[in-house]
Amino acid sequence: MGEGEEINVGEEERENISLKDLSKKLEEFAKARDWEKYHSPRNLLLAMVGEVGELSEIFQWRGEVDRGLPNWEESDKEHLGEELSDVLLYLIRLADICGIDLAHAASKKIVKNAIKYPPKFF
């Protein structure tokens, strides 16, 4: 998950990759670099917060932006995708290190939210 480093993922895989697939690739990536000793929950959380800060900087002075970012340069969209990915990858790694099945937890949370916030009909 370092800058300029890529996890080898084939073109077809990129379209259908699951959270579990990403988790496995992140684990392999960390093991290959002997980084596991640094991947404590605290360190991963702080790294993710740093990435959220970088993500925030992209929007900092733009005001509200239109859905789909129609007025953005492709290079800006690519940068946004990279920063969003950094946050996602740290989140997945943090969940994995903490023993949380993120996909299962997120699915349960959606159900809880649907109960807590039912649709309003007028």
PDB file of N, CA and C in Angstrom:
ATOM      1  N   MET A   1       0.810  -1.176   0.000  1.00  0.00           N
ATOM      2  CA  MET A   1       0.000   0.000   0.000  1.00  0.00           C
ATOM      3  C   MET A   1       0.859   1.248   0.000  1.00  0.00           C
ATOM      4  N   GLY A   2       2.073   1.120  -0.442  1.00  0.00           N
ATOM      5  CA  GLY A   2       2.936   2.289  -0.536  1.00  0.00           C
ATOM      6  C   GLY A   2       2.689   3.015  -1.832  1.00  0.00           C
ATOM      7  N   GLU A   3       3.101   4.268  -1.868  1.00  0.00           N
ATOM      8  CA  GLU A   3       2.930   5.059  -3.077  1.00  0.00           C
ATOM      9  C   GLU A   3       3.684   4.438  -4.233  1.00  0.00           C
ATOM     10  N   GLY A   4       3.059   4.389  -5.377  1.00  0.00           N
ATOM     11  CA  GLY A   4       3.699   3.892  -6.580  1.00  0.00           C
ATOM     12  C   GLY A   4       3.801   2.375  -6.649  1.00  0.00           C
ATOM     13  N   GLU A   5       3.329   1.665  -5.620  1.00  0.00           N
ATOM     14  CA  GLU A   5       3.391   0.214  -5.647  1.00  0.00           C
ATOM     15  C   GLU A   5       2.019  -0.322  -5.993  1.00  0.00           C
ATOM     16  N   GLU A   6       2.025  -1.387  -6.780  1.00  0.00           N
ATOM     17  CA  GLU A   6       0.777  -1.954  -7.229  1.00  0.00           C
ATOM     18  C   GLU A   6       0.643  -3.387  -6.771  1.00  0.00           C
ATOM     19  N   ILE A   7      -0.548  -3.794  -6.456  1.00  0.00           N
ATOM     20  CA  ILE A   7      -0.838  -5.189  -6.195  1.00  0.00           C
ATOM     21  C   ILE A   7      -1.261  -5.767  -7.530  1.00  0.00           C
ATOM     22  N   ASN A   8      -0.661  -6.871  -7.915  1.00  0.00           N
ATOM     23  CA  ASN A   8      -0.923  -7.456  -9.226  1.00  0.00           C
ATOM     24  C   ASN A   8      -2.338  -8.014  -9.280  1.00  0.00           C
ATOM     25  N   VAL A   9      -3.174  -7.370 -10.052  1.00  0.00           N
ATOM     26  CA  VAL A   9      -4.557  -7.784 -10.245  1.00  0.00           C
ATOM     27  C   VAL A   9      -4.845  -7.738 -11.732  1.00  0.00           C
ATOM     28  N   GLY A  10      -5.329  -8.847 -12.279  1.00  0.00           N
ATOM     29  CA  GLY A  10      -5.649  -8.904 -13.700  1.00  0.00           C
ATOM     30  C   GLY A  10      -6.840  -8.031 -14.039  1.00  0.00           C
ATOM     31  N   GLU A  11      -6.960  -7.687 -15.331  1.00  0.00           N
ATOM     32  CA  GLU A  11      -8.028  -6.794 -15.806  1.00  0.00           C
ATOM     33  C   GLU A  11      -9.416  -7.317 -15.438  1.00  0.00           C
ATOM     34  N   GLU A  12      -9.679  -8.593 -15.684  1.00  0.00           N
ATOM     35  CA  GLU A  12     -10.993  -9.161 -15.393  1.00  0.00           C
ATOM     36  C   GLU A  12     -11.247  -9.184 -13.887  1.00  0.00           C
ATOM     37  N   GLU A  13     -10.206  -9.483 -13.118  1.00  0.00           N
ATOM     38  CA  GLU A  13     -10.328  -9.517 -11.668  1.00  0.00           C
ATOM     39  C   GLU A  13     -10.719  -8.164 -11.103  1.00  0.00           C
ATOM     40  N   ARG A  14     -10.208  -7.095 -11.678  1.00  0.00           N
ATOM     41  CA  ARG A  14     -10.481  -5.752 -11.169  1.00  0.00           C
ATOM     42  C   ARG A  14     -11.961  -5.430 -11.192  1.00  0.00           C
ATOM     43  N   GLU A  15     -12.675  -5.976 -12.141  1.00  0.00           N
ATOM     44  CA  GLU A  15     -14.090  -5.668 -12.261  1.00  0.00           C
ATOM     45  C   GLU A  15     -14.935  -6.424 -11.246  1.00  0.00           C
ATOM     46  N   ASN A  16     -14.458  -7.581 -10.795  1.00  0.00           N
ATOM     47  CA  ASN A  16     -15.269  -8.446  -9.940  1.00  0.00           C
ATOM     48  C   ASN A  16     -14.600  -8.791  -8.621  1.00  0.00           C
ATOM     49  N   ILE A  17     -13.651  -8.017  -8.194  1.00  0.00           N
ATOM     50  CA  ILE A  17     -12.904  -8.349  -6.992  1.00  0.00           C
ATOM     51  C   ILE A  17     -13.759  -8.104  -5.747  1.00  0.00           C
ATOM     52  N   SER A  18     -13.675  -9.025  -4.793  1.00  0.00           N
ATOM     53  CA  SER A  18     -14.457  -8.918  -3.563  1.00  0.00           C
ATOM     54  C   SER A  18     -13.608  -8.343  -2.437  1.00  0.00           C
ATOM     55  N   LEU A  19     -14.251  -7.996  -1.346  1.00  0.00           N
ATOM     56  CA  LEU A  19     -13.509  -7.528  -0.176  1.00  0.00           C
ATOM     57  C   LEU A  19     -12.568  -8.616   0.324  1.00  0.00           C
ATOM     58  N   LYS A  20     -13.019  -9.871   0.277  1.00  0.00           N
ATOM     59  CA  LYS A  20     -12.155 -10.977   0.710  1.00  0.00           C
ATOM     60  C   LYS A  20     -10.940 -11.104  -0.195  1.00  0.00           C
ATOM     61  N   ASP A  21     -11.133 -10.921  -1.492  1.00  0.00           N
ATOM     62  CA  ASP A  21      -9.998 -10.964  -2.433  1.00  0.00           C
ATOM     63  C   ASP A  21      -9.009  -9.848  -2.115  1.00  0.00           C
ATOM     64  N   LEU A  22      -9.528  -8.658  -1.893  1.00  0.00           N
ATOM     65  CA  LEU A  22      -8.658  -7.529  -1.559  1.00  0.00           C
ATOM     66  C   LEU A  22      -7.923  -7.781  -0.247  1.00  0.00           C
ATOM     67  N   SER A  23      -8.630  -8.330   0.726  1.00  0.00           N
ATOM     68  CA  SER A  23      -8.025  -8.631   2.017  1.00  0.00           C
ATOM     69  C   SER A  23      -6.861  -9.601   1.858  1.00  0.00           C
ATOM     70  N   LYS A  24      -7.071 -10.627   1.068  1.00  0.00           N
ATOM     71  CA  LYS A  24      -6.012 -11.620   0.834  1.00  0.00           C
ATOM     72  C   LYS A  24      -4.815 -10.984   0.133  1.00  0.00           C
ATOM     73  N   LYS A  25      -5.080 -10.168  -0.868  1.00  0.00           N
ATOM     74  CA  LYS A  25      -3.998  -9.499  -1.594  1.00  0.00           C
ATOM     75  C   LYS A  25      -3.225  -8.539  -0.679  1.00  0.00           C
ATOM     76  N   LEU A  26      -3.938  -7.835   0.193  1.00  0.00           N
ATOM     77  CA  LEU A  26      -3.280  -6.936   1.131  1.00  0.00           C
ATOM     78  C   LEU A  26      -2.418  -7.704   2.129  1.00  0.00           C
ATOM     79  N   GLU A  27      -2.919  -8.835   2.587  1.00  0.00           N
ATOM     80  CA  GLU A  27      -2.142  -9.670   3.505  1.00  0.00           C
ATOM     81  C   GLU A  27      -0.864 -10.156   2.824  1.00  0.00           C
ATOM     82  N   GLU A  28      -0.989 -10.647   1.598  1.00  0.00           N
ATOM     83  CA  GLU A  28       0.179 -11.117   0.839  1.00  0.00           C
ATOM     84  C   GLU A  28       1.166  -9.978   0.615  1.00  0.00           C
ATOM     85  N   PHE A  29       0.654  -8.813   0.289  1.00  0.00           N
ATOM     86  CA  PHE A  29       1.476  -7.625   0.040  1.00  0.00           C
ATOM     87  C   PHE A  29       2.287  -7.278   1.297  1.00  0.00           C
ATOM     88  N   ALA A  30       1.621  -7.265   2.456  1.00  0.00           N
ATOM     89  CA  ALA A  30       2.296  -6.934   3.717  1.00  0.00           C
ATOM     90  C   ALA A  30       3.326  -8.005   4.084  1.00  0.00           C
ATOM     91  N   LYS A  31       2.961  -9.274   3.916  1.00  0.00           N
ATOM     92  CA  LYS A  31       3.891 -10.361   4.235  1.00  0.00           C
ATOM     93  C   LYS A  31       5.147 -10.296   3.377  1.00  0.00           C
ATOM     94  N   ALA A  32       4.973 -10.034   2.107  1.00  0.00           N
ATOM     95  CA  ALA A  32       6.111 -10.003   1.179  1.00  0.00           C
ATOM     96  C   ALA A  32       7.095  -8.890   1.538  1.00  0.00           C
ATOM     97  N   ARG A  33       6.634  -7.880   2.238  1.00  0.00           N
ATOM     98  CA  ARG A  33       7.486  -6.734   2.597  1.00  0.00           C
ATOM     99  C   ARG A  33       7.851  -6.724   4.078  1.00  0.00           C
ATOM    100  N   ASP A  34       7.427  -7.769   4.797  1.00  0.00           N
ATOM    101  CA  ASP A  34       7.648  -7.875   6.236  1.00  0.00           C
ATOM    102  C   ASP A  34       7.060  -6.672   6.967  1.00  0.00           C
ATOM    103  N   TRP A  35       5.881  -6.249   6.555  1.00  0.00           N
ATOM    104  CA  TRP A  35       5.214  -5.096   7.151  1.00  0.00           C
ATOM    105  C   TRP A  35       4.198  -5.491   8.217  1.00  0.00           C
ATOM    106  N   GLU A  36       3.933  -6.782   8.367  1.00  0.00           N
ATOM    107  CA  GLU A  36       2.890  -7.196   9.301  1.00  0.00           C
ATOM    108  C   GLU A  36       3.140  -6.687  10.718  1.00  0.00           C
ATOM    109  N   LYS A  37       4.407  -6.583  11.104  1.00  0.00           N
ATOM    110  CA  LYS A  37       4.729  -6.106  12.457  1.00  0.00           C
ATOM    111  C   LYS A  37       4.274  -4.663  12.672  1.00  0.00           C
ATOM    112  N   TYR A  38       4.084  -3.915  11.594  1.00  0.00           N
ATOM    113  CA  TYR A  38       3.628  -2.522  11.689  1.00  0.00           C
ATOM    114  C   TYR A  38       2.116  -2.388  11.591  1.00  0.00           C
ATOM    115  N   HIS A  39       1.435  -3.458  11.208  1.00  0.00           N
ATOM    116  CA  HIS A  39       0.003  -3.395  10.953  1.00  0.00           C
ATOM    117  C   HIS A  39      -0.806  -3.705  12.206  1.00  0.00           C
ATOM    118  N   SER A  40      -0.608  -2.884  13.224  1.00  0.00           N
ATOM    119  CA  SER A  40      -1.444  -2.968  14.427  1.00  0.00           C
ATOM    120  C   SER A  40      -2.726  -2.183  14.143  1.00  0.00           C
ATOM    121  N   PRO A  41      -3.794  -2.467  14.875  1.00  0.00           N
ATOM    122  CA  PRO A  41      -5.019  -1.693  14.656  1.00  0.00           C
ATOM    123  C   PRO A  41      -4.785  -0.180  14.757  1.00  0.00           C
ATOM    124  N   ARG A  42      -4.029   0.250  15.765  1.00  0.00           N
ATOM    125  CA  ARG A  42      -3.768   1.675  15.942  1.00  0.00           C
ATOM    126  C   ARG A  42      -3.030   2.257  14.750  1.00  0.00           C
ATOM    127  N   ASN A  43      -1.968   1.611  14.311  1.00  0.00           N
ATOM    128  CA  ASN A  43      -1.190   2.129  13.186  1.00  0.00           C
ATOM    129  C   ASN A  43      -2.020   2.187  11.910  1.00  0.00           C
ATOM    130  N   LEU A  44      -2.817   1.169  11.677  1.00  0.00           N
ATOM    131  CA  LEU A  44      -3.649   1.156  10.476  1.00  0.00           C
ATOM    132  C   LEU A  44      -4.714   2.242  10.537  1.00  0.00           C
ATOM    133  N   LEU A  45      -5.301   2.447  11.707  1.00  0.00           N
ATOM    134  CA  LEU A  45      -6.293   3.512  11.858  1.00  0.00           C
ATOM    135  C   LEU A  45      -5.661   4.871  11.596  1.00  0.00           C
ATOM    136  N   LEU A  46      -4.497   5.121  12.172  1.00  0.00           N
ATOM    137  CA  LEU A  46      -3.842   6.417  11.974  1.00  0.00           C
ATOM    138  C   LEU A  46      -3.457   6.622  10.513  1.00  0.00           C
ATOM    139  N   ALA A  47      -3.004   5.565   9.863  1.00  0.00           N
ATOM    140  CA  ALA A  47      -2.675   5.665   8.440  1.00  0.00           C
ATOM    141  C   ALA A  47      -3.928   5.982   7.622  1.00  0.00           C
ATOM    142  N   MET A  48      -5.048   5.334   7.980  1.00  0.00           N
ATOM    143  CA  MET A  48      -6.296   5.584   7.262  1.00  0.00           C
ATOM    144  C   MET A  48      -6.770   7.021   7.474  1.00  0.00           C
ATOM    145  N   VAL A  49      -6.653   7.514   8.692  1.00  0.00           N
ATOM    146  CA  VAL A  49      -7.046   8.903   8.980  1.00  0.00           C
ATOM    147  C   VAL A  49      -6.195   9.860   8.145  1.00  0.00           C
ATOM    148  N   GLY A  50      -4.912   9.572   8.018  1.00  0.00           N
ATOM    149  CA  GLY A  50      -4.050  10.393   7.162  1.00  0.00           C
ATOM    150  C   GLY A  50      -4.534  10.400   5.728  1.00  0.00           C
ATOM    151  N   GLU A  51      -4.943   9.238   5.243  1.00  0.00           N
ATOM    152  CA  GLU A  51      -5.457   9.149   3.879  1.00  0.00           C
ATOM    153  C   GLU A  51      -6.786   9.879   3.729  1.00  0.00           C
ATOM    154  N   VAL A  52      -7.623   9.848   4.757  1.00  0.00           N
ATOM    155  CA  VAL A  52      -8.878  10.610   4.728  1.00  0.00           C
ATOM    156  C   VAL A  52      -8.558  12.101   4.623  1.00  0.00           C
ATOM    157  N   GLY A  53      -7.505  12.532   5.303  1.00  0.00           N
ATOM    158  CA  GLY A  53      -7.070  13.926   5.193  1.00  0.00           C
ATOM    159  C   GLY A  53      -6.670  14.270   3.772  1.00  0.00           C
ATOM    160  N   GLU A  54      -5.920  13.362   3.127  1.00  0.00           N
ATOM    161  CA  GLU A  54      -5.529  13.599   1.728  1.00  0.00           C
ATOM    162  C   GLU A  54      -6.749  13.635   0.825  1.00  0.00           C
ATOM    163  N   LEU A  55      -7.722  12.777   1.102  1.00  0.00           N
ATOM    164  CA  LEU A  55      -8.974  12.772   0.342  1.00  0.00           C
ATOM    165  C   LEU A  55      -9.717  14.089   0.539  1.00  0.00           C
ATOM    166  N   SER A  56      -9.743  14.577   1.759  1.00  0.00           N
ATOM    167  CA  SER A  56     -10.421  15.839   2.060  1.00  0.00           C
ATOM    168  C   SER A  56      -9.803  17.013   1.323  1.00  0.00           C
ATOM    169  N   GLU A  57      -8.488  16.989   1.193  1.00  0.00           N
ATOM    170  CA  GLU A  57      -7.795  18.087   0.497  1.00  0.00           C
ATOM    171  C   GLU A  57      -8.276  18.249  -0.939  1.00  0.00           C
ATOM    172  N   ILE A  58      -8.657  17.157  -1.556  1.00  0.00           N
ATOM    173  CA  ILE A  58      -9.111  17.215  -2.952  1.00  0.00           C
ATOM    174  C   ILE A  58     -10.366  18.083  -3.069  1.00  0.00           C
ATOM    175  N   PHE A  59     -11.225  18.014  -2.061  1.00  0.00           N
ATOM    176  CA  PHE A  59     -12.496  18.740  -2.096  1.00  0.00           C
ATOM    177  C   PHE A  59     -12.439  20.078  -1.367  1.00  0.00           C
ATOM    178  N   GLN A  60     -11.349  20.339  -0.665  1.00  0.00           N
ATOM    179  CA  GLN A  60     -11.281  21.443   0.284  1.00  0.00           C
ATOM    180  C   GLN A  60     -11.764  22.782  -0.253  1.00  0.00           C
ATOM    181  N   TRP A  61     -11.342  23.198  -1.413  1.00  0.00           N
ATOM    182  CA  TRP A  61     -11.685  24.542  -1.902  1.00  0.00           C
ATOM    183  C   TRP A  61     -12.591  24.516  -3.126  1.00  0.00           C
ATOM    184  N   ARG A  62     -13.240  23.409  -3.376  1.00  0.00           N
ATOM    185  CA  ARG A  62     -14.076  23.290  -4.567  1.00  0.00           C
ATOM    186  C   ARG A  62     -15.532  23.657  -4.309  1.00  0.00           C
ATOM    187  N   GLY A  63     -15.931  23.784  -3.071  1.00  0.00           N
ATOM    188  CA  GLY A  63     -17.342  23.988  -2.787  1.00  0.00           C
ATOM    189  C   GLY A  63     -18.109  22.718  -3.134  1.00  0.00           C
ATOM    190  N   GLU A  64     -19.393  22.870  -3.350  1.00  0.00           N
ATOM    191  CA  GLU A  64     -20.180  21.705  -3.751  1.00  0.00           C
ATOM    192  C   GLU A  64     -19.819  21.312  -5.178  1.00  0.00           C
ATOM    193  N   VAL A  65     -19.797  20.027  -5.432  1.00  0.00           N
ATOM    194  CA  VAL A  65     -19.497  19.542  -6.786  1.00  0.00           C
ATOM    195  C   VAL A  65     -20.664  18.695  -7.282  1.00  0.00           C
ATOM    196  N   ASP A  66     -20.843  18.672  -8.579  1.00  0.00           N
ATOM    197  CA  ASP A  66     -21.939  17.918  -9.171  1.00  0.00           C
ATOM    198  C   ASP A  66     -21.644  16.425  -9.150  1.00  0.00           C
ATOM    199  N   ARG A  67     -22.694  15.668  -9.021  1.00  0.00           N
ATOM    200  CA  ARG A  67     -22.595  14.221  -9.054  1.00  0.00           C
ATOM    201  C   ARG A  67     -21.945  13.781 -10.368  1.00  0.00           C
ATOM    202  N   GLY A  68     -21.010  12.856 -10.260  1.00  0.00           N
ATOM    203  CA  GLY A  68     -20.308  12.386 -11.447  1.00  0.00           C
ATOM    204  C   GLY A  68     -19.105  13.236 -11.815  1.00  0.00           C
ATOM    205  N   LEU A  69     -18.957  14.361 -11.146  1.00  0.00           N
ATOM    206  CA  LEU A  69     -17.826  15.275 -11.330  1.00  0.00           C
ATOM    207  C   LEU A  69     -17.623  15.664 -12.798  1.00  0.00           C
ATOM    208  N   PRO A  70     -18.678  16.147 -13.475  1.00  0.00           N
ATOM    209  CA  PRO A  70     -18.588  16.423 -14.902  1.00  0.00           C
ATOM    210  C   PRO A  70     -17.588  17.517 -15.281  1.00  0.00           C
ATOM    211  N   ASN A  71     -17.280  18.425 -14.368  1.00  0.00           N
ATOM    212  CA  ASN A  71     -16.371  19.520 -14.687  1.00  0.00           C
ATOM    213  C   ASN A  71     -14.935  19.269 -14.235  1.00  0.00           C
ATOM    214  N   TRP A  72     -14.654  18.053 -13.828  1.00  0.00           N
ATOM    215  CA  TRP A  72     -13.315  17.725 -13.333  1.00  0.00           C
ATOM    216  C   TRP A  72     -12.448  17.191 -14.462  1.00  0.00           C
ATOM    217  N   GLU A  73     -11.177  17.488 -14.391  1.00  0.00           N
ATOM    218  CA  GLU A  73     -10.194  16.913 -15.316  1.00  0.00           C
ATOM    219  C   GLU A  73     -10.052  15.419 -14.999  1.00  0.00           C
ATOM    220  N   GLU A  74      -9.718  14.638 -16.013  1.00  0.00           N
ATOM    221  CA  GLU A  74      -9.515  13.204 -15.799  1.00  0.00           C
ATOM    222  C   GLU A  74      -8.408  12.943 -14.785  1.00  0.00           C
ATOM    223  N   SER A  75      -7.376  13.760 -14.800  1.00  0.00           N
ATOM    224  CA  SER A  75      -6.279  13.577 -13.841  1.00  0.00           C
ATOM    225  C   SER A  75      -6.762  13.805 -12.406  1.00  0.00           C
ATOM    226  N   ASP A  76      -7.702  14.742 -12.218  1.00  0.00           N
ATOM    227  CA  ASP A  76      -8.263  14.976 -10.885  1.00  0.00           C
ATOM    228  C   ASP A  76      -9.118  13.788 -10.440  1.00  0.00           C
ATOM    229  N   LYS A  77      -9.878  13.229 -11.366  1.00  0.00           N
ATOM    230  CA  LYS A  77     -10.696  12.056 -11.050  1.00  0.00           C
ATOM    231  C   LYS A  77      -9.811  10.857 -10.717  1.00  0.00           C
ATOM    232  N   GLU A  78      -8.721  10.719 -11.446  1.00  0.00           N
ATOM    233  CA  GLU A  78      -7.795   9.613 -11.174  1.00  0.00           C
ATOM    234  C   GLU A  78      -7.175   9.772  -9.780  1.00  0.00           C
ATOM    235  N   HIS A  79      -6.774  10.995  -9.450  1.00  0.00           N
ATOM    236  CA  HIS A  79      -6.230  11.262  -8.119  1.00  0.00           C
ATOM    237  C   HIS A  79      -7.257  10.951  -7.033  1.00  0.00           C
ATOM    238  N   LEU A  80      -8.503  11.347  -7.259  1.00  0.00           N
ATOM    239  CA  LEU A  80      -9.576  11.049  -6.328  1.00  0.00           C
ATOM    240  C   LEU A  80      -9.718   9.535  -6.150  1.00  0.00           C
ATOM    241  N   GLY A  81      -9.695   8.808  -7.249  1.00  0.00           N
ATOM    242  CA  GLY A  81      -9.804   7.349  -7.181  1.00  0.00           C
ATOM    243  C   GLY A  81      -8.667   6.727  -6.376  1.00  0.00           C
ATOM    244  N   GLU A  82      -7.479   7.271  -6.516  1.00  0.00           N
ATOM    245  CA  GLU A  82      -6.329   6.762  -5.762  1.00  0.00           C
ATOM    246  C   GLU A  82      -6.507   7.002  -4.271  1.00  0.00           C
ATOM    247  N   GLU A  83      -6.950   8.189  -3.907  1.00  0.00           N
ATOM    248  CA  GLU A  83      -7.122   8.498  -2.486  1.00  0.00           C
ATOM    249  C   GLU A  83      -8.284   7.712  -1.880  1.00  0.00           C
ATOM    250  N   LEU A  84      -9.381   7.563  -2.618  1.00  0.00           N
ATOM    251  CA  LEU A  84     -10.486   6.728  -2.149  1.00  0.00           C
ATOM    252  C   LEU A  84     -10.008   5.288  -1.947  1.00  0.00           C
ATOM    253  N   SER A  85      -9.192   4.811  -2.869  1.00  0.00           N
ATOM    254  CA  SER A  85      -8.663   3.454  -2.768  1.00  0.00           C
ATOM    255  C   SER A  85      -7.764   3.294  -1.550  1.00  0.00           C
ATOM    256  N   ASP A  86      -6.935   4.289  -1.272  1.00  0.00           N
ATOM    257  CA  ASP A  86      -6.074   4.222  -0.086  1.00  0.00           C
ATOM    258  C   ASP A  86      -6.915   4.062   1.179  1.00  0.00           C
ATOM    259  N   VAL A  87      -7.988   4.849   1.283  1.00  0.00           N
ATOM    260  CA  VAL A  87      -8.860   4.761   2.455  1.00  0.00           C
ATOM    261  C   VAL A  87      -9.497   3.373   2.518  1.00  0.00           C
ATOM    262  N   LEU A  88     -10.017   2.901   1.404  1.00  0.00           N
ATOM    263  CA  LEU A  88     -10.660   1.582   1.369  1.00  0.00           C
ATOM    264  C   LEU A  88      -9.683   0.476   1.758  1.00  0.00           C
ATOM    265  N   LEU A  89      -8.485   0.513   1.213  1.00  0.00           N
ATOM    266  CA  LEU A  89      -7.527  -0.548   1.483  1.00  0.00           C
ATOM    267  C   LEU A  89      -7.097  -0.567   2.945  1.00  0.00           C
ATOM    268  N   TYR A  90      -6.878   0.607   3.521  1.00  0.00           N
ATOM    269  CA  TYR A  90      -6.560   0.638   4.955  1.00  0.00           C
ATOM    270  C   TYR A  90      -7.742   0.148   5.783  1.00  0.00           C
ATOM    271  N   LEU A  91      -8.958   0.500   5.401  1.00  0.00           N
ATOM    272  CA  LEU A  91     -10.143   0.046   6.117  1.00  0.00           C
ATOM    273  C   LEU A  91     -10.258  -1.477   6.065  1.00  0.00           C
ATOM    274  N   ILE A  92     -10.058  -2.039   4.900  1.00  0.00           N
ATOM    275  CA  ILE A  92     -10.121  -3.499   4.751  1.00  0.00           C
ATOM    276  C   ILE A  92      -9.048  -4.166   5.598  1.00  0.00           C
ATOM    277  N   ARG A  93      -7.831  -3.634   5.550  1.00  0.00           N
ATOM    278  CA  ARG A  93      -6.727  -4.207   6.324  1.00  0.00           C
ATOM    279  C   ARG A  93      -7.000  -4.089   7.821  1.00  0.00           C
ATOM    280  N   LEU A  94      -7.520  -2.947   8.258  1.00  0.00           N
ATOM    281  CA  LEU A  94      -7.851  -2.746   9.669  1.00  0.00           C
ATOM    282  C   LEU A  94      -8.905  -3.754  10.121  1.00  0.00           C
ATOM    283  N   ALA A  95      -9.949  -3.910   9.334  1.00  0.00           N
ATOM    284  CA  ALA A  95     -11.000  -4.872   9.671  1.00  0.00           C
ATOM    285  C   ALA A  95     -10.424  -6.280   9.763  1.00  0.00           C
ATOM    286  N   ASP A  96      -9.575  -6.639   8.824  1.00  0.00           N
ATOM    287  CA  ASP A  96      -8.968  -7.967   8.797  1.00  0.00           C
ATOM    288  C   ASP A  96      -8.126  -8.196  10.053  1.00  0.00           C
ATOM    289  N   ILE A  97      -7.286  -7.243  10.392  1.00  0.00           N
ATOM    290  CA  ILE A  97      -6.419  -7.358  11.568  1.00  0.00           C
ATOM    291  C   ILE A  97      -7.246  -7.455  12.846  1.00  0.00           C
ATOM    292  N   CYS A  98      -8.400  -6.799  12.866  1.00  0.00           N
ATOM    293  CA  CYS A  98      -9.285  -6.831  14.037  1.00  0.00           C
ATOM    294  C   CYS A  98     -10.216  -8.051  14.035  1.00  0.00           C
ATOM    295  N   GLY A  99     -10.157  -8.861  12.991  1.00  0.00           N
ATOM    296  CA  GLY A  99     -11.006 -10.050  12.927  1.00  0.00           C
ATOM    297  C   GLY A  99     -12.455  -9.746  12.599  1.00  0.00           C
ATOM    298  N   ILE A 100     -12.686  -8.678  11.877  1.00  0.00           N
ATOM    299  CA  ILE A 100     -14.050  -8.279  11.489  1.00  0.00           C
ATOM    300  C   ILE A 100     -14.274  -8.616  10.021  1.00  0.00           C
ATOM    301  N   ASP A 101     -15.346  -9.344   9.744  1.00  0.00           N
ATOM    302  CA  ASP A 101     -15.745  -9.600   8.359  1.00  0.00           C
ATOM    303  C   ASP A 101     -16.487  -8.352   7.900  1.00  0.00           C
ATOM    304  N   LEU A 102     -15.785  -7.488   7.176  1.00  0.00           N
ATOM    305  CA  LEU A 102     -16.320  -6.178   6.822  1.00  0.00           C
ATOM    306  C   LEU A 102     -17.570  -6.273   5.954  1.00  0.00           C
ATOM    307  N   ALA A 103     -17.591  -7.177   4.999  1.00  0.00           N
ATOM    308  CA  ALA A 103     -18.766  -7.319   4.137  1.00  0.00           C
ATOM    309  C   ALA A 103     -19.984  -7.734   4.965  1.00  0.00           C
ATOM    310  N   HIS A 104     -19.795  -8.667   5.873  1.00  0.00           N
ATOM    311  CA  HIS A 104     -20.893  -9.123   6.729  1.00  0.00           C
ATOM    312  C   HIS A 104     -21.349  -7.994   7.656  1.00  0.00           C
ATOM    313  N   ALA A 105     -20.385  -7.306   8.280  1.00  0.00           N
ATOM    314  CA  ALA A 105     -20.719  -6.200   9.187  1.00  0.00           C
ATOM    315  C   ALA A 105     -21.467  -5.092   8.449  1.00  0.00           C
ATOM    316  N   ALA A 106     -21.024  -4.765   7.227  1.00  0.00           N
ATOM    317  CA  ALA A 106     -21.678  -3.710   6.448  1.00  0.00           C
ATOM    318  C   ALA A 106     -23.096  -4.127   6.057  1.00  0.00           C
ATOM    319  N   SER A 107     -23.271  -5.379   5.680  1.00  0.00           N
ATOM    320  CA  SER A 107     -24.609  -5.864   5.322  1.00  0.00           C
ATOM    321  C   SER A 107     -25.552  -5.780   6.517  1.00  0.00           C
ATOM    322  N   LYS A 108     -25.073  -6.187   7.685  1.00  0.00           N
ATOM    323  CA  LYS A 108     -25.887  -6.088   8.899  1.00  0.00           C
ATOM    324  C   LYS A 108     -26.211  -4.643   9.220  1.00  0.00           C
ATOM    325  N   LYS A 109     -25.273  -3.754   9.009  1.00  0.00           N
ATOM    326  CA  LYS A 109     -25.491  -2.333   9.306  1.00  0.00           C
ATOM    327  C   LYS A 109     -26.544  -1.733   8.375  1.00  0.00           C
ATOM    328  N   ILE A 110     -26.544  -2.135   7.118  1.00  0.00           N
ATOM    329  CA  ILE A 110     -27.561  -1.660   6.176  1.00  0.00           C
ATOM    330  C   ILE A 110     -28.948  -2.082   6.645  1.00  0.00           C
ATOM    331  N   VAL A 111     -29.077  -3.313   7.111  1.00  0.00           N
ATOM    332  CA  VAL A 111     -30.365  -3.803   7.624  1.00  0.00           C
ATOM    333  C   VAL A 111     -30.782  -2.998   8.849  1.00  0.00           C
ATOM    334  N   LYS A 112     -29.835  -2.781   9.781  1.00  0.00           N
ATOM    335  CA  LYS A 112     -30.136  -1.975  10.977  1.00  0.00           C
ATOM    336  C   LYS A 112     -30.580  -0.570  10.594  1.00  0.00           C
ATOM    337  N   ASN A 113     -29.880   0.031   9.644  1.00  0.00           N
ATOM    338  CA  ASN A 113     -30.233   1.387   9.215  1.00  0.00           C
ATOM    339  C   ASN A 113     -31.610   1.432   8.560  1.00  0.00           C
ATOM    340  N   ALA A 114     -31.953   0.381   7.817  1.00  0.00           N
ATOM    341  CA  ALA A 114     -33.268   0.329   7.167  1.00  0.00           C
ATOM    342  C   ALA A 114     -34.381   0.275   8.200  1.00  0.00           C
ATOM    343  N   ILE A 115     -34.122  -0.399   9.304  1.00  0.00           N
ATOM    344  CA  ILE A 115     -35.116  -0.466  10.385  1.00  0.00           C
ATOM    345  C   ILE A 115     -35.177   0.866  11.127  1.00  0.00           C
ATOM    346  N   LYS A 116     -34.012   1.421  11.390  1.00  0.00           N
ATOM    347  CA  LYS A 116     -33.930   2.673  12.140  1.00  0.00           C
ATOM    348  C   LYS A 116     -34.469   3.857  11.347  1.00  0.00           C
ATOM    349  N   TYR A 117     -34.274   3.835  10.033  1.00  0.00           N
ATOM    350  CA  TYR A 117     -34.692   4.940   9.165  1.00  0.00           C
ATOM    351  C   TYR A 117     -35.604   4.409   8.061  1.00  0.00           C
ATOM    352  N   PRO A 118     -36.841   4.065   8.394  1.00  0.00           N
ATOM    353  CA  PRO A 118     -37.742   3.535   7.352  1.00  0.00           C
ATOM    354  C   PRO A 118     -38.077   4.625   6.338  1.00  0.00           C
ATOM    355  N   PRO A 119     -38.426   4.204   5.127  1.00  0.00           N
ATOM    356  CA  PRO A 119     -38.808   5.203   4.123  1.00  0.00           C
ATOM    357  C   PRO A 119     -40.097   5.899   4.541  1.00  0.00           C
ATOM    358  N   LYS A 120     -40.168   7.167   4.220  1.00  0.00           N
ATOM    359  CA  LYS A 120     -41.357   7.936   4.547  1.00  0.00           C
ATOM    360  C   LYS A 120     -42.198   8.080   3.290  1.00  0.00           C
ATOM    361  N   PHE A 121     -43.456   7.794   3.441  1.00  0.00           N
ATOM    362  CA  PHE A 121     -44.380   7.936   2.315  1.00  0.00           C
ATOM    363  C   PHE A 121     -45.292   9.126   2.600  1.00  0.00           C
ATOM    364  N   PHE A 122     -45.462   9.951   1.622  1.00  0.00           N
ATOM    365  CA  PHE A 122     -46.260  11.171   1.805  1.00  0.00           C
ATOM    366  C   PHE A 122     -47.630  10.992   1.267  1.00  0.00           C
TER     367      PHE A 122
END
